[in-house]
Every structure is written in C-alpha cells, then in structure tokens.
Amino acid sequence: MTKMSKYLVLIFQDEAVTPQAEGESISASYQEFMQRRNGSLLNGAALQPASTATSVRRNGTGGFSVTDGPFAESKETLGGYFLIEAGDLDEALEIAKEVPAGVGVEVRPVRVVS
C-alpha cells in the first residue's frame, strides 16, 4: 500500500474580479471538482474577503502588532483551501490543476511534526 502524504492547496483569487456574496452557494464547477476528487479531499473551506482579515505580527520587542487587513498587500488574496491526500507531489499537482480557482493555487506539503 502506498503511503499517502498531505498537501495544502491554497486558492488565490482577485476579489475585484470574483467578489464574494454573503450566503453564496458553492459554484457548480467547485461542486463537480469536489465530487470528482472526493477520495483525496480531507477538508476545505472558503474564506471571508481579505477586508475581514486581521494580521498579528511580532514587533521585535517581545510584543505584538495587530492590524486590520491581510498580512501582505496584494491584488491576489487567499480565498480558501483544500487539504488533500496524495501519493506524491506530482499527484497533488494533478489534483490542484483541477481546482476551478480564479487566479491560481499554491500547493505545499504538510510537515509532519512529532
């Protein structure tokens, strides 16, 4: 049996192009993706718009700075994620290519901490 690894697929979008509506339903393309890849999907969620983010940064003196907005100013914002299971990075990338994301996705292996 092949050992499966976990990968986080971070979904990026341009909120100016794909605004999020309150209470919106999952689009048909995402529903199709989730049904097709159900065996690999462990978890996932859409995020509220970047305007609702609050960033916490260490200030270098042992304290923290808390500011409104995302960690980085960017036209592309993190819109959601899928936690997937795949045999290797190549398989994870094939799954990620099917995510119907507006701008694109980033795939990262999940580090096993013991």
N, C-alpha and C. Protein backbone atom coordinates (compact mmCIF):
# COMPACT_ATOMS: atom_id res chain seq x y z
N MET A 1 0.82 -1.17 0.00
CA MET A 1 0.00 0.00 0.00
C MET A 1 0.88 1.25 0.00
N THR A 2 0.57 2.21 -0.84
CA THR A 2 1.35 3.43 -0.96
C THR A 2 1.06 4.38 0.20
N LYS A 3 2.12 4.91 0.80
CA LYS A 3 1.94 5.89 1.87
C LYS A 3 1.48 7.20 1.26
N MET A 4 0.41 7.73 1.79
CA MET A 4 -0.15 8.97 1.29
C MET A 4 0.39 10.14 2.12
N SER A 5 0.64 11.24 1.45
CA SER A 5 1.07 12.47 2.12
C SER A 5 -0.03 13.50 2.05
N LYS A 6 0.02 14.46 2.94
CA LYS A 6 -0.98 15.52 2.95
C LYS A 6 -0.38 16.77 2.31
N TYR A 7 -1.22 17.48 1.57
CA TYR A 7 -0.83 18.73 0.91
C TYR A 7 -1.93 19.75 1.14
N LEU A 8 -1.52 20.99 1.31
CA LEU A 8 -2.48 22.08 1.42
C LEU A 8 -2.50 22.81 0.09
N VAL A 9 -3.68 22.92 -0.49
CA VAL A 9 -3.86 23.65 -1.74
C VAL A 9 -4.49 24.99 -1.37
N LEU A 10 -3.71 26.06 -1.49
CA LEU A 10 -4.17 27.41 -1.17
C LEU A 10 -4.76 28.03 -2.43
N ILE A 11 -5.99 28.50 -2.34
CA ILE A 11 -6.71 29.02 -3.50
C ILE A 11 -6.64 30.54 -3.49
N PHE A 12 -6.09 31.13 -4.55
CA PHE A 12 -5.98 32.58 -4.65
C PHE A 12 -6.98 33.12 -5.66
N GLN A 13 -7.45 34.31 -5.36
CA GLN A 13 -8.42 34.95 -6.25
C GLN A 13 -8.18 36.44 -6.26
N ASP A 14 -8.71 37.09 -7.26
CA ASP A 14 -8.71 38.54 -7.35
C ASP A 14 -10.11 38.97 -6.94
N GLU A 15 -10.26 39.52 -5.74
CA GLU A 15 -11.59 39.86 -5.23
C GLU A 15 -12.30 40.90 -6.08
N ALA A 16 -11.55 41.69 -6.84
CA ALA A 16 -12.17 42.68 -7.71
C ALA A 16 -12.87 41.99 -8.88
N VAL A 17 -12.36 40.82 -9.27
CA VAL A 17 -12.94 40.08 -10.39
C VAL A 17 -13.99 39.10 -9.92
N THR A 18 -13.76 38.47 -8.76
CA THR A 18 -14.69 37.47 -8.23
C THR A 18 -15.13 37.87 -6.83
N PRO A 19 -15.97 38.89 -6.71
CA PRO A 19 -16.41 39.30 -5.37
C PRO A 19 -17.24 38.20 -4.72
N GLN A 20 -17.13 38.11 -3.40
CA GLN A 20 -17.89 37.11 -2.64
C GLN A 20 -19.19 37.72 -2.16
N ALA A 21 -20.26 37.02 -2.40
CA ALA A 21 -21.57 37.47 -1.93
C ALA A 21 -21.90 36.77 -0.62
N GLU A 22 -22.51 37.48 0.28
CA GLU A 22 -22.91 36.89 1.57
C GLU A 22 -23.88 35.75 1.32
N GLY A 23 -23.61 34.59 1.90
CA GLY A 23 -24.52 33.46 1.76
C GLY A 23 -24.50 32.79 0.39
N GLU A 24 -23.46 33.07 -0.40
CA GLU A 24 -23.42 32.46 -1.73
C GLU A 24 -23.28 30.95 -1.62
N SER A 25 -23.76 30.25 -2.63
CA SER A 25 -23.64 28.80 -2.63
C SER A 25 -22.37 28.40 -3.38
N ILE A 26 -21.98 27.15 -3.23
CA ILE A 26 -20.79 26.64 -3.92
C ILE A 26 -21.10 26.55 -5.40
N SER A 27 -20.20 27.09 -6.23
CA SER A 27 -20.42 27.09 -7.67
C SER A 27 -20.45 25.67 -8.21
N ALA A 28 -21.08 25.51 -9.34
CA ALA A 28 -21.20 24.19 -9.96
C ALA A 28 -19.82 23.61 -10.26
N SER A 29 -18.87 24.46 -10.69
CA SER A 29 -17.54 23.94 -11.03
C SER A 29 -16.82 23.42 -9.78
N TYR A 30 -16.99 24.08 -8.64
CA TYR A 30 -16.40 23.57 -7.40
C TYR A 30 -17.11 22.31 -6.93
N GLN A 31 -18.43 22.24 -7.06
CA GLN A 31 -19.17 21.04 -6.69
C GLN A 31 -18.70 19.85 -7.51
N GLU A 32 -18.51 20.06 -8.82
CA GLU A 32 -18.04 18.98 -9.70
C GLU A 32 -16.64 18.53 -9.29
N PHE A 33 -15.75 19.50 -9.01
CA PHE A 33 -14.40 19.17 -8.58
C PHE A 33 -14.43 18.34 -7.30
N MET A 34 -15.22 18.78 -6.31
CA MET A 34 -15.28 18.10 -5.02
C MET A 34 -15.87 16.70 -5.15
N GLN A 35 -16.83 16.50 -6.03
CA GLN A 35 -17.37 15.15 -6.25
C GLN A 35 -16.34 14.27 -6.95
N ARG A 36 -15.66 14.83 -7.96
CA ARG A 36 -14.68 14.06 -8.73
C ARG A 36 -13.50 13.65 -7.86
N ARG A 37 -13.06 14.52 -6.96
CA ARG A 37 -11.87 14.27 -6.15
C ARG A 37 -12.18 13.97 -4.69
N ASN A 38 -13.40 13.54 -4.41
CA ASN A 38 -13.84 13.27 -3.06
C ASN A 38 -12.90 12.36 -2.28
N GLY A 39 -12.33 11.36 -2.92
CA GLY A 39 -11.44 10.43 -2.24
C GLY A 39 -10.13 11.05 -1.78
N SER A 40 -9.73 12.17 -2.36
CA SER A 40 -8.48 12.84 -2.00
C SER A 40 -8.69 14.02 -1.06
N LEU A 41 -9.90 14.54 -1.00
CA LEU A 41 -10.17 15.73 -0.20
C LEU A 41 -10.39 15.37 1.26
N LEU A 42 -9.60 15.95 2.14
CA LEU A 42 -9.74 15.71 3.58
C LEU A 42 -10.54 16.83 4.24
N ASN A 43 -10.40 18.05 3.73
CA ASN A 43 -11.04 19.21 4.32
C ASN A 43 -10.93 20.37 3.34
N GLY A 44 -11.70 21.38 3.57
CA GLY A 44 -11.61 22.58 2.75
C GLY A 44 -12.60 23.61 3.22
N ALA A 45 -12.34 24.85 2.86
CA ALA A 45 -13.25 25.93 3.23
C ALA A 45 -12.96 27.15 2.40
N ALA A 46 -14.00 27.95 2.21
CA ALA A 46 -13.84 29.27 1.61
C ALA A 46 -13.63 30.26 2.74
N LEU A 47 -12.88 31.31 2.46
CA LEU A 47 -12.61 32.32 3.47
C LEU A 47 -13.41 33.58 3.18
N GLN A 48 -13.68 34.34 4.22
CA GLN A 48 -14.31 35.64 4.06
C GLN A 48 -13.33 36.54 3.30
N PRO A 49 -13.80 37.66 2.74
CA PRO A 49 -12.92 38.55 1.96
C PRO A 49 -11.72 39.04 2.77
N ALA A 50 -10.66 39.41 2.08
CA ALA A 50 -9.43 39.88 2.72
C ALA A 50 -9.69 41.09 3.61
N SER A 51 -10.71 41.86 3.31
CA SER A 51 -11.03 43.04 4.12
C SER A 51 -11.42 42.67 5.55
N THR A 52 -11.76 41.41 5.79
CA THR A 52 -12.13 40.97 7.13
C THR A 52 -10.94 40.41 7.92
N ALA A 53 -9.77 40.35 7.28
CA ALA A 53 -8.58 39.77 7.92
C ALA A 53 -8.03 40.70 8.99
N THR A 54 -7.41 40.09 9.98
CA THR A 54 -6.65 40.80 11.00
C THR A 54 -5.29 40.12 11.08
N SER A 55 -4.22 40.90 10.98
CA SER A 55 -2.87 40.34 11.00
C SER A 55 -2.21 40.57 12.35
N VAL A 56 -1.53 39.57 12.85
CA VAL A 56 -0.79 39.66 14.10
C VAL A 56 0.68 39.41 13.76
N ARG A 57 1.52 40.40 14.10
CA ARG A 57 2.95 40.30 13.81
C ARG A 57 3.73 40.53 15.10
N ARG A 58 4.85 39.84 15.23
CA ARG A 58 5.75 40.10 16.35
C ARG A 58 6.42 41.44 16.08
N ASN A 59 6.56 42.26 17.12
CA ASN A 59 7.13 43.59 16.92
C ASN A 59 8.62 43.69 17.21
N GLY A 60 9.25 42.59 17.57
CA GLY A 60 10.69 42.60 17.81
C GLY A 60 11.09 42.94 19.23
N THR A 61 10.15 43.38 20.05
CA THR A 61 10.47 43.71 21.45
C THR A 61 9.73 42.79 22.41
N GLY A 62 9.27 41.67 21.89
CA GLY A 62 8.55 40.71 22.73
C GLY A 62 7.05 40.89 22.72
N GLY A 63 6.58 41.89 22.02
CA GLY A 63 5.15 42.14 21.93
C GLY A 63 4.62 41.84 20.54
N PHE A 64 3.41 42.31 20.29
CA PHE A 64 2.76 42.04 19.02
C PHE A 64 2.12 43.31 18.49
N SER A 65 2.02 43.37 17.18
CA SER A 65 1.32 44.44 16.49
C SER A 65 0.11 43.80 15.81
N VAL A 66 -1.07 44.34 16.06
CA VAL A 66 -2.30 43.81 15.48
C VAL A 66 -2.85 44.89 14.54
N THR A 67 -3.05 44.53 13.27
CA THR A 67 -3.54 45.49 12.28
C THR A 67 -4.68 44.87 11.47
N ASP A 68 -5.55 45.73 10.99
CA ASP A 68 -6.62 45.29 10.11
C ASP A 68 -6.04 44.97 8.74
N GLY A 69 -6.58 43.94 8.10
CA GLY A 69 -6.19 43.60 6.74
C GLY A 69 -5.29 42.38 6.69
N PRO A 70 -5.07 41.89 5.49
CA PRO A 70 -4.24 40.69 5.30
C PRO A 70 -2.77 40.97 5.61
N PHE A 71 -2.01 39.91 5.77
CA PHE A 71 -0.59 40.02 6.10
C PHE A 71 0.17 40.78 5.02
N ALA A 72 -0.13 40.52 3.77
CA ALA A 72 0.54 41.18 2.65
C ALA A 72 -0.48 41.92 1.80
N GLU A 73 -0.12 43.11 1.37
CA GLU A 73 -0.98 43.86 0.44
C GLU A 73 -0.77 43.27 -0.94
N SER A 74 -1.84 42.81 -1.54
CA SER A 74 -1.74 42.17 -2.85
C SER A 74 -3.08 42.21 -3.54
N LYS A 75 -3.05 42.25 -4.86
CA LYS A 75 -4.28 42.18 -5.63
C LYS A 75 -4.89 40.79 -5.50
N GLU A 76 -4.02 39.79 -5.41
CA GLU A 76 -4.47 38.41 -5.25
C GLU A 76 -4.55 38.08 -3.77
N THR A 77 -5.68 37.57 -3.34
CA THR A 77 -5.86 37.25 -1.93
C THR A 77 -6.18 35.77 -1.76
N LEU A 78 -5.90 35.28 -0.57
CA LEU A 78 -6.21 33.90 -0.23
C LEU A 78 -7.71 33.78 -0.05
N GLY A 79 -8.35 32.95 -0.87
CA GLY A 79 -9.80 32.83 -0.83
C GLY A 79 -10.30 31.56 -0.21
N GLY A 80 -9.43 30.57 -0.03
CA GLY A 80 -9.86 29.31 0.54
C GLY A 80 -8.76 28.28 0.46
N TYR A 81 -9.09 27.07 0.84
CA TYR A 81 -8.09 25.99 0.81
C TYR A 81 -8.76 24.64 0.70
N PHE A 82 -7.98 23.67 0.28
CA PHE A 82 -8.33 22.26 0.38
C PHE A 82 -7.15 21.55 1.01
N LEU A 83 -7.41 20.68 1.97
CA LEU A 83 -6.41 19.78 2.49
C LEU A 83 -6.63 18.46 1.76
N ILE A 84 -5.61 18.02 1.04
CA ILE A 84 -5.76 16.81 0.22
C ILE A 84 -4.74 15.76 0.66
N GLU A 85 -5.00 14.54 0.20
CA GLU A 85 -4.09 13.43 0.42
C GLU A 85 -3.70 12.91 -0.95
N ALA A 86 -2.39 12.72 -1.16
CA ALA A 86 -1.91 12.25 -2.46
C ALA A 86 -0.67 11.39 -2.25
N GLY A 87 -0.40 10.54 -3.22
CA GLY A 87 0.75 9.64 -3.13
C GLY A 87 2.09 10.37 -3.20
N ASP A 88 2.13 11.48 -3.96
CA ASP A 88 3.35 12.27 -4.09
C ASP A 88 2.98 13.65 -4.62
N LEU A 89 3.99 14.50 -4.77
CA LEU A 89 3.76 15.87 -5.21
C LEU A 89 3.15 15.91 -6.61
N ASP A 90 3.59 15.03 -7.50
CA ASP A 90 3.03 15.01 -8.85
C ASP A 90 1.52 14.77 -8.84
N GLU A 91 1.08 13.83 -8.02
CA GLU A 91 -0.35 13.57 -7.90
C GLU A 91 -1.07 14.77 -7.29
N ALA A 92 -0.46 15.38 -6.30
CA ALA A 92 -1.06 16.58 -5.68
C ALA A 92 -1.21 17.70 -6.69
N LEU A 93 -0.22 17.86 -7.55
CA LEU A 93 -0.28 18.90 -8.58
C LEU A 93 -1.38 18.61 -9.61
N GLU A 94 -1.56 17.35 -9.94
CA GLU A 94 -2.64 17.00 -10.87
C GLU A 94 -4.00 17.33 -10.26
N ILE A 95 -4.17 17.06 -8.98
CA ILE A 95 -5.42 17.41 -8.30
C ILE A 95 -5.57 18.93 -8.28
N ALA A 96 -4.49 19.64 -7.94
CA ALA A 96 -4.54 21.11 -7.84
C ALA A 96 -4.90 21.75 -9.19
N LYS A 97 -4.47 21.16 -10.28
CA LYS A 97 -4.78 21.71 -11.61
C LYS A 97 -6.28 21.69 -11.90
N GLU A 98 -7.00 20.83 -11.20
CA GLU A 98 -8.44 20.72 -11.41
C GLU A 98 -9.25 21.71 -10.57
N VAL A 99 -8.63 22.36 -9.60
CA VAL A 99 -9.35 23.32 -8.76
C VAL A 99 -9.76 24.50 -9.65
N PRO A 100 -11.04 24.82 -9.69
CA PRO A 100 -11.51 25.89 -10.58
C PRO A 100 -11.26 27.29 -9.99
N ALA A 101 -10.00 27.56 -9.64
CA ALA A 101 -9.64 28.82 -8.98
C ALA A 101 -9.56 29.96 -9.99
N GLY A 102 -9.88 31.16 -9.52
CA GLY A 102 -9.83 32.33 -10.37
C GLY A 102 -8.43 32.68 -10.83
N VAL A 103 -7.50 32.87 -9.88
CA VAL A 103 -6.14 33.29 -10.22
C VAL A 103 -5.22 32.07 -10.29
N GLY A 104 -5.32 31.19 -9.33
CA GLY A 104 -4.46 30.01 -9.29
C GLY A 104 -4.38 29.46 -7.88
N VAL A 105 -3.56 28.45 -7.73
CA VAL A 105 -3.40 27.81 -6.43
C VAL A 105 -1.92 27.65 -6.11
N GLU A 106 -1.64 27.46 -4.84
CA GLU A 106 -0.30 27.13 -4.36
C GLU A 106 -0.43 25.81 -3.62
N VAL A 107 0.50 24.89 -3.88
CA VAL A 107 0.47 23.58 -3.25
C VAL A 107 1.68 23.47 -2.32
N ARG A 108 1.42 23.08 -1.08
CA ARG A 108 2.50 22.90 -0.11
C ARG A 108 2.33 21.59 0.63
N PRO A 109 3.42 20.83 0.77
CA PRO A 109 3.35 19.62 1.58
C PRO A 109 3.10 20.01 3.04
N VAL A 110 2.32 19.22 3.74
CA VAL A 110 2.09 19.43 5.17
C VAL A 110 3.23 18.74 5.91
N ARG A 111 3.90 19.48 6.76
CA ARG A 111 5.03 18.95 7.51
C ARG A 111 4.51 18.08 8.64
N VAL A 112 5.07 16.90 8.79
CA VAL A 112 4.71 16.00 9.87
C VAL A 112 5.57 16.36 11.07
N VAL A 113 4.92 16.77 12.15
CA VAL A 113 5.63 17.16 13.37
C VAL A 113 5.33 16.11 14.43
N SER A 114 6.39 15.59 15.04
CA SER A 114 6.17 14.56 16.06
C SER A 114 6.66 15.00 17.39
